[in-house]
Protein backbone atom coordinates (compact mmCIF):
# COMPACT_ATOMS: atom_id res chain seq x y z
CA UNK A 1 0.00 0.00 0.00
CA UNK A 2 1.43 3.35 -1.07
CA UNK A 3 0.53 6.95 -0.27
CA UNK A 4 0.71 9.05 -3.43
CA UNK A 5 1.22 12.78 -3.42
CA UNK A 6 0.62 13.67 -7.06
CA UNK A 7 -1.49 16.35 -8.67
CA UNK A 8 -4.13 15.08 -11.06
CA UNK A 9 -3.37 11.46 -10.10
CA UNK A 10 -6.58 10.07 -11.65
CA UNK A 11 -5.83 11.68 -15.01
CA UNK A 12 -2.21 10.52 -14.79
CA UNK A 13 -3.30 6.95 -14.03
CA UNK A 14 -5.68 6.96 -16.98
CA UNK A 15 -2.97 8.22 -19.31
CA UNK A 16 -0.49 5.63 -18.02
CA UNK A 17 -2.96 2.78 -18.53
CA UNK A 18 -3.21 3.56 -22.26
CA UNK A 19 0.32 4.91 -22.70
CA UNK A 20 1.50 2.21 -25.10
CA UNK A 21 -1.38 3.03 -27.46
CA UNK A 22 -0.64 6.73 -27.88
CA UNK A 23 3.02 7.32 -27.04
CA UNK A 24 6.07 5.45 -28.30
CA UNK A 25 8.36 6.90 -25.60
CA UNK A 26 9.00 5.20 -22.25
CA UNK A 27 6.95 6.35 -19.28
CA UNK A 28 9.06 8.84 -17.27
CA UNK A 29 10.20 7.30 -13.98
CA UNK A 30 9.60 10.34 -11.76
CA UNK A 31 5.89 10.90 -12.34
CA UNK A 32 4.75 9.87 -8.87
CA UNK A 33 5.87 10.84 -5.42
CA UNK A 34 4.96 7.79 -3.32
CA UNK A 35 5.74 6.36 0.09
ModelCIF file with pLDDT and N, C-alpha, C, O atoms, coordinates in Angstrom:
data_MODEL
#
_entry.id   MODEL 
#
_entity.id                         1 
_entity.type                       polymer 
_entity.pdbx_number_of_molecules   1 
#
_entity_poly.entity_id                      1 
_entity_poly.type                           'polypeptide(L)' 
_entity_poly.nstd_linkage                   no 
_entity_poly.nstd_monomer                   no 
_entity_poly.pdbx_seq_one_letter_code       
;(UNK)(UNK)(UNK)(UNK)(UNK)(UNK)(UNK)(UNK)(UNK)(UNK)(UNK)(UNK)(UNK)(UNK)(UNK)(UNK)
(UNK)(UNK)(UNK)(UNK)(UNK)(UNK)(UNK)(UNK)(UNK)(UNK)(UNK)(UNK)(UNK)(UNK)(UNK)(UNK)
(UNK)(UNK)(UNK)
;
_entity_poly.pdbx_seq_one_letter_code_can   XXXXXXXXXXXXXXXXXXXXXXXXXXXXXXXXXXX 
_entity_poly.pdbx_strand_id                 A 
#
loop_
_entity_poly_seq.entity_id 
_entity_poly_seq.num 
_entity_poly_seq.mon_id 
_entity_poly_seq.hetero 
1 1  UNK n 
1 2  UNK n 
1 3  UNK n 
1 4  UNK n 
1 5  UNK n 
1 6  UNK n 
1 7  UNK n 
1 8  UNK n 
1 9  UNK n 
1 10 UNK n 
1 11 UNK n 
1 12 UNK n 
1 13 UNK n 
1 14 UNK n 
1 15 UNK n 
1 16 UNK n 
1 17 UNK n 
1 18 UNK n 
1 19 UNK n 
1 20 UNK n 
1 21 UNK n 
1 22 UNK n 
1 23 UNK n 
1 24 UNK n 
1 25 UNK n 
1 26 UNK n 
1 27 UNK n 
1 28 UNK n 
1 29 UNK n 
1 30 UNK n 
1 31 UNK n 
1 32 UNK n 
1 33 UNK n 
1 34 UNK n 
1 35 UNK n 
#
_struct_asym.id          A 
_struct_asym.entity_id   1 
#
loop_
_ma_qa_metric.id 
_ma_qa_metric.mode 
_ma_qa_metric.name 
_ma_qa_metric.software_group_id 
_ma_qa_metric.type 
1 global pLDDT . pLDDT 
2 local  pLDDT . pLDDT 
#
_ma_qa_metric_global.metric_id      1 
_ma_qa_metric_global.metric_value   82.14 
_ma_qa_metric_global.model_id       1 
_ma_qa_metric_global.ordinal_id     1 
#
loop_
_ma_qa_metric_local.label_asym_id 
_ma_qa_metric_local.label_comp_id 
_ma_qa_metric_local.label_seq_id 
_ma_qa_metric_local.metric_id 
_ma_qa_metric_local.metric_value 
_ma_qa_metric_local.model_id 
_ma_qa_metric_local.ordinal_id 
A UNK 1  2 95.00 1 1  
A UNK 2  2 92.00 1 2  
A UNK 3  2 91.00 1 3  
A UNK 4  2 83.00 1 4  
A UNK 5  2 79.00 1 5  
A UNK 6  2 76.00 1 6  
A UNK 7  2 73.00 1 7  
A UNK 8  2 76.00 1 8  
A UNK 9  2 74.00 1 9  
A UNK 10 2 77.00 1 10 
A UNK 11 2 82.00 1 11 
A UNK 12 2 80.00 1 12 
A UNK 13 2 79.00 1 13 
A UNK 14 2 84.00 1 14 
A UNK 15 2 84.00 1 15 
A UNK 16 2 82.00 1 16 
A UNK 17 2 84.00 1 17 
A UNK 18 2 88.00 1 18 
A UNK 19 2 86.00 1 19 
A UNK 20 2 86.00 1 20 
A UNK 21 2 90.00 1 21 
A UNK 22 2 86.00 1 22 
A UNK 23 2 86.00 1 23 
A UNK 24 2 87.00 1 24 
A UNK 25 2 87.00 1 25 
A UNK 26 2 85.00 1 26 
A UNK 27 2 80.00 1 27 
A UNK 28 2 78.00 1 28 
A UNK 29 2 75.00 1 29 
A UNK 30 2 73.00 1 30 
A UNK 31 2 75.00 1 31 
A UNK 32 2 73.00 1 32 
A UNK 33 2 78.00 1 33 
A UNK 34 2 83.00 1 34 
A UNK 35 2 88.00 1 35 
#
loop_
_atom_site.group_PDB 
_atom_site.id 
_atom_site.type_symbol 
_atom_site.label_atom_id 
_atom_site.label_alt_id 
_atom_site.label_comp_id 
_atom_site.label_asym_id 
_atom_site.label_entity_id 
_atom_site.label_seq_id 
_atom_site.pdbx_PDB_ins_code 
_atom_site.Cartn_x 
_atom_site.Cartn_y 
_atom_site.Cartn_z 
_atom_site.occupancy 
_atom_site.B_iso_or_equiv 
_atom_site.pdbx_formal_charge 
_atom_site.auth_seq_id 
_atom_site.auth_comp_id 
_atom_site.auth_asym_id 
_atom_site.auth_atom_id 
_atom_site.pdbx_PDB_model_num 
ATOM 1   N N  . UNK A 1 1  ? 0.856  -1.183 0.000   1.00 95.00 ? 1  UNK A N  1 
ATOM 2   C CA . UNK A 1 1  ? 0.000  0.000  0.000   1.00 95.00 ? 1  UNK A CA 1 
ATOM 3   C C  . UNK A 1 1  ? 0.894  1.236  0.000   1.00 95.00 ? 1  UNK A C  1 
ATOM 4   O O  . UNK A 1 1  ? 1.800  1.362  0.824   1.00 95.00 ? 1  UNK A O  1 
ATOM 5   N N  . UNK A 1 2  ? 0.627  2.140  -0.933  1.00 92.00 ? 2  UNK A N  1 
ATOM 6   C CA . UNK A 1 2  ? 1.426  3.350  -1.074  1.00 92.00 ? 2  UNK A CA 1 
ATOM 7   C C  . UNK A 1 2  ? 0.561  4.587  -0.923  1.00 92.00 ? 2  UNK A C  1 
ATOM 8   O O  . UNK A 1 2  ? -0.592 4.610  -1.354  1.00 92.00 ? 2  UNK A O  1 
ATOM 9   N N  . UNK A 1 3  ? 1.132  5.622  -0.302  1.00 91.00 ? 3  UNK A N  1 
ATOM 10  C CA . UNK A 1 3  ? 0.529  6.949  -0.268  1.00 91.00 ? 3  UNK A CA 1 
ATOM 11  C C  . UNK A 1 3  ? 1.106  7.712  -1.456  1.00 91.00 ? 3  UNK A C  1 
ATOM 12  O O  . UNK A 1 3  ? 2.324  7.765  -1.627  1.00 91.00 ? 3  UNK A O  1 
ATOM 13  N N  . UNK A 1 4  ? 0.247  8.297  -2.269  1.00 83.00 ? 4  UNK A N  1 
ATOM 14  C CA . UNK A 1 4  ? 0.711  9.054  -3.425  1.00 83.00 ? 4  UNK A CA 1 
ATOM 15  C C  . UNK A 1 4  ? 0.412  10.527 -3.221  1.00 83.00 ? 4  UNK A C  1 
ATOM 16  O O  . UNK A 1 4  ? -0.688 10.902 -2.814  1.00 83.00 ? 4  UNK A O  1 
ATOM 17  N N  . UNK A 1 5  ? 1.385  11.342 -3.504  1.00 79.00 ? 5  UNK A N  1 
ATOM 18  C CA . UNK A 1 5  ? 1.215  12.784 -3.420  1.00 79.00 ? 5  UNK A CA 1 
ATOM 19  C C  . UNK A 1 5  ? 1.490  13.347 -4.811  1.00 79.00 ? 5  UNK A C  1 
ATOM 20  O O  . UNK A 1 5  ? 2.586  13.825 -5.100  1.00 79.00 ? 5  UNK A O  1 
ATOM 21  N N  . UNK A 1 6  ? 0.472  13.280 -5.662  1.00 76.00 ? 6  UNK A N  1 
ATOM 22  C CA . UNK A 1 6  ? 0.622  13.667 -7.055  1.00 76.00 ? 6  UNK A CA 1 
ATOM 23  C C  . UNK A 1 6  ? -0.600 14.451 -7.502  1.00 76.00 ? 6  UNK A C  1 
ATOM 24  O O  . UNK A 1 6  ? -1.734 14.028 -7.277  1.00 76.00 ? 6  UNK A O  1 
ATOM 25  N N  . UNK A 1 7  ? -0.373 15.578 -8.126  1.00 73.00 ? 7  UNK A N  1 
ATOM 26  C CA . UNK A 1 7  ? -1.488 16.353 -8.667  1.00 73.00 ? 7  UNK A CA 1 
ATOM 27  C C  . UNK A 1 7  ? -2.101 15.619 -9.846  1.00 73.00 ? 7  UNK A C  1 
ATOM 28  O O  . UNK A 1 7  ? -1.392 15.006 -10.644 1.00 73.00 ? 7  UNK A O  1 
ATOM 29  N N  . UNK A 1 8  ? -3.404 15.685 -9.949  1.00 76.00 ? 8  UNK A N  1 
ATOM 30  C CA . UNK A 1 8  ? -4.129 15.082 -11.065 1.00 76.00 ? 8  UNK A CA 1 
ATOM 31  C C  . UNK A 1 8  ? -3.819 13.589 -11.218 1.00 76.00 ? 8  UNK A C  1 
ATOM 32  O O  . UNK A 1 8  ? -3.632 13.100 -12.332 1.00 76.00 ? 8  UNK A O  1 
ATOM 33  N N  . UNK A 1 9  ? -3.766 12.870 -10.092 1.00 74.00 ? 9  UNK A N  1 
ATOM 34  C CA . UNK A 1 9  ? -3.375 11.461 -10.102 1.00 74.00 ? 9  UNK A CA 1 
ATOM 35  C C  . UNK A 1 9  ? -4.334 10.596 -10.915 1.00 74.00 ? 9  UNK A C  1 
ATOM 36  O O  . UNK A 1 9  ? -3.892 9.665  -11.588 1.00 74.00 ? 9  UNK A O  1 
ATOM 37  N N  . UNK A 1 10 ? -5.620 10.877 -10.871 1.00 77.00 ? 10 UNK A N  1 
ATOM 38  C CA . UNK A 1 10 ? -6.581 10.072 -11.648 1.00 77.00 ? 10 UNK A CA 1 
ATOM 39  C C  . UNK A 1 10 ? -6.326 10.222 -13.143 1.00 77.00 ? 10 UNK A C  1 
ATOM 40  O O  . UNK A 1 10 ? -6.327 9.235  -13.879 1.00 77.00 ? 10 UNK A O  1 
ATOM 41  N N  . UNK A 1 11 ? -6.111 11.440 -13.585 1.00 82.00 ? 11 UNK A N  1 
ATOM 42  C CA . UNK A 1 11 ? -5.827 11.678 -15.005 1.00 82.00 ? 11 UNK A CA 1 
ATOM 43  C C  . UNK A 1 11 ? -4.500 11.036 -15.393 1.00 82.00 ? 11 UNK A C  1 
ATOM 44  O O  . UNK A 1 11 ? -4.378 10.465 -16.476 1.00 82.00 ? 11 UNK A O  1 
ATOM 45  N N  . UNK A 1 12 ? -3.516 11.129 -14.518 1.00 80.00 ? 12 UNK A N  1 
ATOM 46  C CA . UNK A 1 12 ? -2.214 10.524 -14.790 1.00 80.00 ? 12 UNK A CA 1 
ATOM 47  C C  . UNK A 1 12 ? -2.345 9.005  -14.892 1.00 80.00 ? 12 UNK A C  1 
ATOM 48  O O  . UNK A 1 12 ? -1.769 8.398  -15.794 1.00 80.00 ? 12 UNK A O  1 
ATOM 49  N N  . UNK A 1 13 ? -3.090 8.388  -13.984 1.00 79.00 ? 13 UNK A N  1 
ATOM 50  C CA . UNK A 1 13 ? -3.301 6.946  -14.028 1.00 79.00 ? 13 UNK A CA 1 
ATOM 51  C C  . UNK A 1 13 ? -3.994 6.511  -15.300 1.00 79.00 ? 13 UNK A C  1 
ATOM 52  O O  . UNK A 1 13 ? -3.638 5.488  -15.885 1.00 79.00 ? 13 UNK A O  1 
ATOM 53  N N  . UNK A 1 14 ? -4.975 7.274  -15.732 1.00 84.00 ? 14 UNK A N  1 
ATOM 54  C CA . UNK A 1 14 ? -5.675 6.960  -16.977 1.00 84.00 ? 14 UNK A CA 1 
ATOM 55  C C  . UNK A 1 14 ? -4.721 7.032  -18.169 1.00 84.00 ? 14 UNK A C  1 
ATOM 56  O O  . UNK A 1 14 ? -4.717 6.147  -19.025 1.00 84.00 ? 14 UNK A O  1 
ATOM 57  N N  . UNK A 1 15 ? -3.927 8.075  -18.216 1.00 84.00 ? 15 UNK A N  1 
ATOM 58  C CA . UNK A 1 15 ? -2.969 8.225  -19.313 1.00 84.00 ? 15 UNK A CA 1 
ATOM 59  C C  . UNK A 1 15 ? -1.933 7.100  -19.302 1.00 84.00 ? 15 UNK A C  1 
ATOM 60  O O  . UNK A 1 15 ? -1.550 6.595  -20.357 1.00 84.00 ? 15 UNK A O  1 
ATOM 61  N N  . UNK A 1 16 ? -1.481 6.707  -18.108 1.00 82.00 ? 16 UNK A N  1 
ATOM 62  C CA . UNK A 1 16 ? -0.491 5.632  -18.017 1.00 82.00 ? 16 UNK A CA 1 
ATOM 63  C C  . UNK A 1 16 ? -1.073 4.291  -18.458 1.00 82.00 ? 16 UNK A C  1 
ATOM 64  O O  . UNK A 1 16 ? -0.367 3.471  -19.044 1.00 82.00 ? 16 UNK A O  1 
ATOM 65  N N  . UNK A 1 17 ? -2.355 4.067  -18.179 1.00 84.00 ? 17 UNK A N  1 
ATOM 66  C CA . UNK A 1 17 ? -2.963 2.779  -18.527 1.00 84.00 ? 17 UNK A CA 1 
ATOM 67  C C  . UNK A 1 17 ? -3.087 2.589  -20.041 1.00 84.00 ? 17 UNK A C  1 
ATOM 68  O O  . UNK A 1 17 ? -3.139 1.453  -20.513 1.00 84.00 ? 17 UNK A O  1 
ATOM 69  N N  . UNK A 1 18 ? -3.134 3.677  -20.806 1.00 88.00 ? 18 UNK A N  1 
ATOM 70  C CA . UNK A 1 18 ? -3.212 3.561  -22.263 1.00 88.00 ? 18 UNK A CA 1 
ATOM 71  C C  . UNK A 1 18 ? -1.949 4.082  -22.951 1.00 88.00 ? 18 UNK A C  1 
ATOM 72  O O  . UNK A 1 18 ? -1.932 4.273  -24.167 1.00 88.00 ? 18 UNK A O  1 
ATOM 73  N N  . UNK A 1 19 ? -0.915 4.305  -22.182 1.00 86.00 ? 19 UNK A N  1 
ATOM 74  C CA . UNK A 1 19 ? 0.322  4.907  -22.696 1.00 86.00 ? 19 UNK A CA 1 
ATOM 75  C C  . UNK A 1 19 ? 0.842  4.236  -23.958 1.00 86.00 ? 19 UNK A C  1 
ATOM 76  O O  . UNK A 1 19 ? 1.176  4.916  -24.928 1.00 86.00 ? 19 UNK A O  1 
ATOM 77  N N  . UNK A 1 20 ? 0.913  2.928  -23.955 1.00 86.00 ? 20 UNK A N  1 
ATOM 78  C CA . UNK A 1 20 ? 1.496  2.213  -25.098 1.00 86.00 ? 20 UNK A CA 1 
ATOM 79  C C  . UNK A 1 20 ? 0.700  2.395  -26.386 1.00 86.00 ? 20 UNK A C  1 
ATOM 80  O O  . UNK A 1 20 ? 1.211  2.112  -27.470 1.00 86.00 ? 20 UNK A O  1 
ATOM 81  N N  . UNK A 1 21 ? -0.532 2.859  -26.284 1.00 90.00 ? 21 UNK A N  1 
ATOM 82  C CA . UNK A 1 21 ? -1.381 3.035  -27.455 1.00 90.00 ? 21 UNK A CA 1 
ATOM 83  C C  . UNK A 1 21 ? -1.304 4.430  -28.059 1.00 90.00 ? 21 UNK A C  1 
ATOM 84  O O  . UNK A 1 21 ? -1.798 4.652  -29.165 1.00 90.00 ? 21 UNK A O  1 
ATOM 85  N N  . UNK A 1 22 ? -0.694 5.371  -27.349 1.00 86.00 ? 22 UNK A N  1 
ATOM 86  C CA . UNK A 1 22 ? -0.644 6.731  -27.882 1.00 86.00 ? 22 UNK A CA 1 
ATOM 87  C C  . UNK A 1 22 ? 0.740  7.367  -27.840 1.00 86.00 ? 22 UNK A C  1 
ATOM 88  O O  . UNK A 1 22 ? 0.937  8.451  -28.390 1.00 86.00 ? 22 UNK A O  1 
ATOM 89  N N  . UNK A 1 23 ? 1.702  6.708  -27.193 1.00 86.00 ? 23 UNK A N  1 
ATOM 90  C CA . UNK A 1 23 ? 3.016  7.320  -27.042 1.00 86.00 ? 23 UNK A CA 1 
ATOM 91  C C  . UNK A 1 23 ? 4.085  6.248  -27.175 1.00 86.00 ? 23 UNK A C  1 
ATOM 92  O O  . UNK A 1 23 ? 4.051  5.247  -26.460 1.00 86.00 ? 23 UNK A O  1 
ATOM 93  N N  . UNK A 1 24 ? 5.015  6.443  -28.066 1.00 87.00 ? 24 UNK A N  1 
ATOM 94  C CA . UNK A 1 24 ? 6.065  5.447  -28.297 1.00 87.00 ? 24 UNK A CA 1 
ATOM 95  C C  . UNK A 1 24 ? 7.241  5.597  -27.333 1.00 87.00 ? 24 UNK A C  1 
ATOM 96  O O  . UNK A 1 24 ? 8.110  4.725  -27.289 1.00 87.00 ? 24 UNK A O  1 
ATOM 97  N N  . UNK A 1 25 ? 7.288  6.684  -26.559 1.00 87.00 ? 25 UNK A N  1 
ATOM 98  C CA . UNK A 1 25 ? 8.362  6.900  -25.597 1.00 87.00 ? 25 UNK A CA 1 
ATOM 99  C C  . UNK A 1 25 ? 8.101  6.108  -24.324 1.00 87.00 ? 25 UNK A C  1 
ATOM 100 O O  . UNK A 1 25 ? 6.962  5.733  -24.047 1.00 87.00 ? 25 UNK A O  1 
ATOM 101 N N  . UNK A 1 26 ? 9.161  5.850  -23.543 1.00 85.00 ? 26 UNK A N  1 
ATOM 102 C CA . UNK A 1 26 ? 9.005  5.201  -22.247 1.00 85.00 ? 26 UNK A CA 1 
ATOM 103 C C  . UNK A 1 26 ? 8.284  6.142  -21.285 1.00 85.00 ? 26 UNK A C  1 
ATOM 104 O O  . UNK A 1 26 ? 8.348  7.363  -21.426 1.00 85.00 ? 26 UNK A O  1 
ATOM 105 N N  . UNK A 1 27 ? 7.603  5.557  -20.311 1.00 80.00 ? 27 UNK A N  1 
ATOM 106 C CA . UNK A 1 27 ? 6.952  6.352  -19.279 1.00 80.00 ? 27 UNK A CA 1 
ATOM 107 C C  . UNK A 1 27 ? 8.044  6.943  -18.392 1.00 80.00 ? 27 UNK A C  1 
ATOM 108 O O  . UNK A 1 27 ? 8.897  6.199  -17.909 1.00 80.00 ? 27 UNK A O  1 
ATOM 109 N N  . UNK A 1 28 ? 8.047  8.247  -18.163 1.00 78.00 ? 28 UNK A N  1 
ATOM 110 C CA . UNK A 1 28 ? 9.055  8.838  -17.271 1.00 78.00 ? 28 UNK A CA 1 
ATOM 111 C C  . UNK A 1 28 ? 8.997  8.204  -15.880 1.00 78.00 ? 28 UNK A C  1 
ATOM 112 O O  . UNK A 1 28 ? 7.915  7.904  -15.377 1.00 78.00 ? 28 UNK A O  1 
ATOM 113 N N  . UNK A 1 29 ? 10.142 8.005  -15.273 1.00 75.00 ? 29 UNK A N  1 
ATOM 114 C CA . UNK A 1 29 ? 10.197 7.302  -13.985 1.00 75.00 ? 29 UNK A CA 1 
ATOM 115 C C  . UNK A 1 29 ? 9.814  8.169  -12.793 1.00 75.00 ? 29 UNK A C  1 
ATOM 116 O O  . UNK A 1 29 ? 9.468  7.626  -11.744 1.00 75.00 ? 29 UNK A O  1 
ATOM 117 N N  . UNK A 1 30 ? 9.861  9.471  -12.909 1.00 73.00 ? 30 UNK A N  1 
ATOM 118 C CA . UNK A 1 30 ? 9.597  10.342 -11.761 1.00 73.00 ? 30 UNK A CA 1 
ATOM 119 C C  . UNK A 1 30 ? 8.237  11.030 -11.833 1.00 73.00 ? 30 UNK A C  1 
ATOM 120 O O  . UNK A 1 30 ? 8.121  12.210 -11.503 1.00 73.00 ? 30 UNK A O  1 
ATOM 121 N N  . UNK A 1 31 ? 7.223  10.310 -12.256 1.00 75.00 ? 31 UNK A N  1 
ATOM 122 C CA . UNK A 1 31 ? 5.890  10.904 -12.341 1.00 75.00 ? 31 UNK A CA 1 
ATOM 123 C C  . UNK A 1 31 ? 5.172  10.943 -11.001 1.00 75.00 ? 31 UNK A C  1 
ATOM 124 O O  . UNK A 1 31 ? 4.365  11.840 -10.754 1.00 75.00 ? 31 UNK A O  1 
ATOM 125 N N  . UNK A 1 32 ? 5.456  9.985  -10.140 1.00 73.00 ? 32 UNK A N  1 
ATOM 126 C CA . UNK A 1 32 ? 4.746  9.868  -8.871  1.00 73.00 ? 32 UNK A CA 1 
ATOM 127 C C  . UNK A 1 32 ? 5.684  10.064 -7.696  1.00 73.00 ? 32 UNK A C  1 
ATOM 128 O O  . UNK A 1 32 ? 6.832  9.618  -7.711  1.00 73.00 ? 32 UNK A O  1 
ATOM 129 N N  . UNK A 1 33 ? 5.178  10.734 -6.688  1.00 78.00 ? 33 UNK A N  1 
ATOM 130 C CA . UNK A 1 33 ? 5.874  10.839 -5.416  1.00 78.00 ? 33 UNK A CA 1 
ATOM 131 C C  . UNK A 1 33 ? 5.109  9.939  -4.454  1.00 78.00 ? 33 UNK A C  1 
ATOM 132 O O  . UNK A 1 33 ? 4.024  10.297 -3.998  1.00 78.00 ? 33 UNK A O  1 
ATOM 133 N N  . UNK A 1 34 ? 5.673  8.769  -4.144  1.00 83.00 ? 34 UNK A N  1 
ATOM 134 C CA . UNK A 1 34 ? 4.956  7.786  -3.322  1.00 83.00 ? 34 UNK A CA 1 
ATOM 135 C C  . UNK A 1 34 ? 5.797  7.359  -2.136  1.00 83.00 ? 34 UNK A C  1 
ATOM 136 O O  . UNK A 1 34 ? 7.024  7.456  -2.144  1.00 83.00 ? 34 UNK A O  1 
ATOM 137 N N  . UNK A 1 35 ? 5.095  6.879  -1.107  1.00 88.00 ? 35 UNK A N  1 
ATOM 138 C CA . UNK A 1 35 ? 5.742  6.355  0.093   1.00 88.00 ? 35 UNK A CA 1 
ATOM 139 C C  . UNK A 1 35 ? 4.968  5.123  0.532   1.00 88.00 ? 35 UNK A C  1 
ATOM 140 O O  . UNK A 1 35 ? 5.320  4.496  1.531   1.00 88.00 ? 35 UNK A O  1 
#
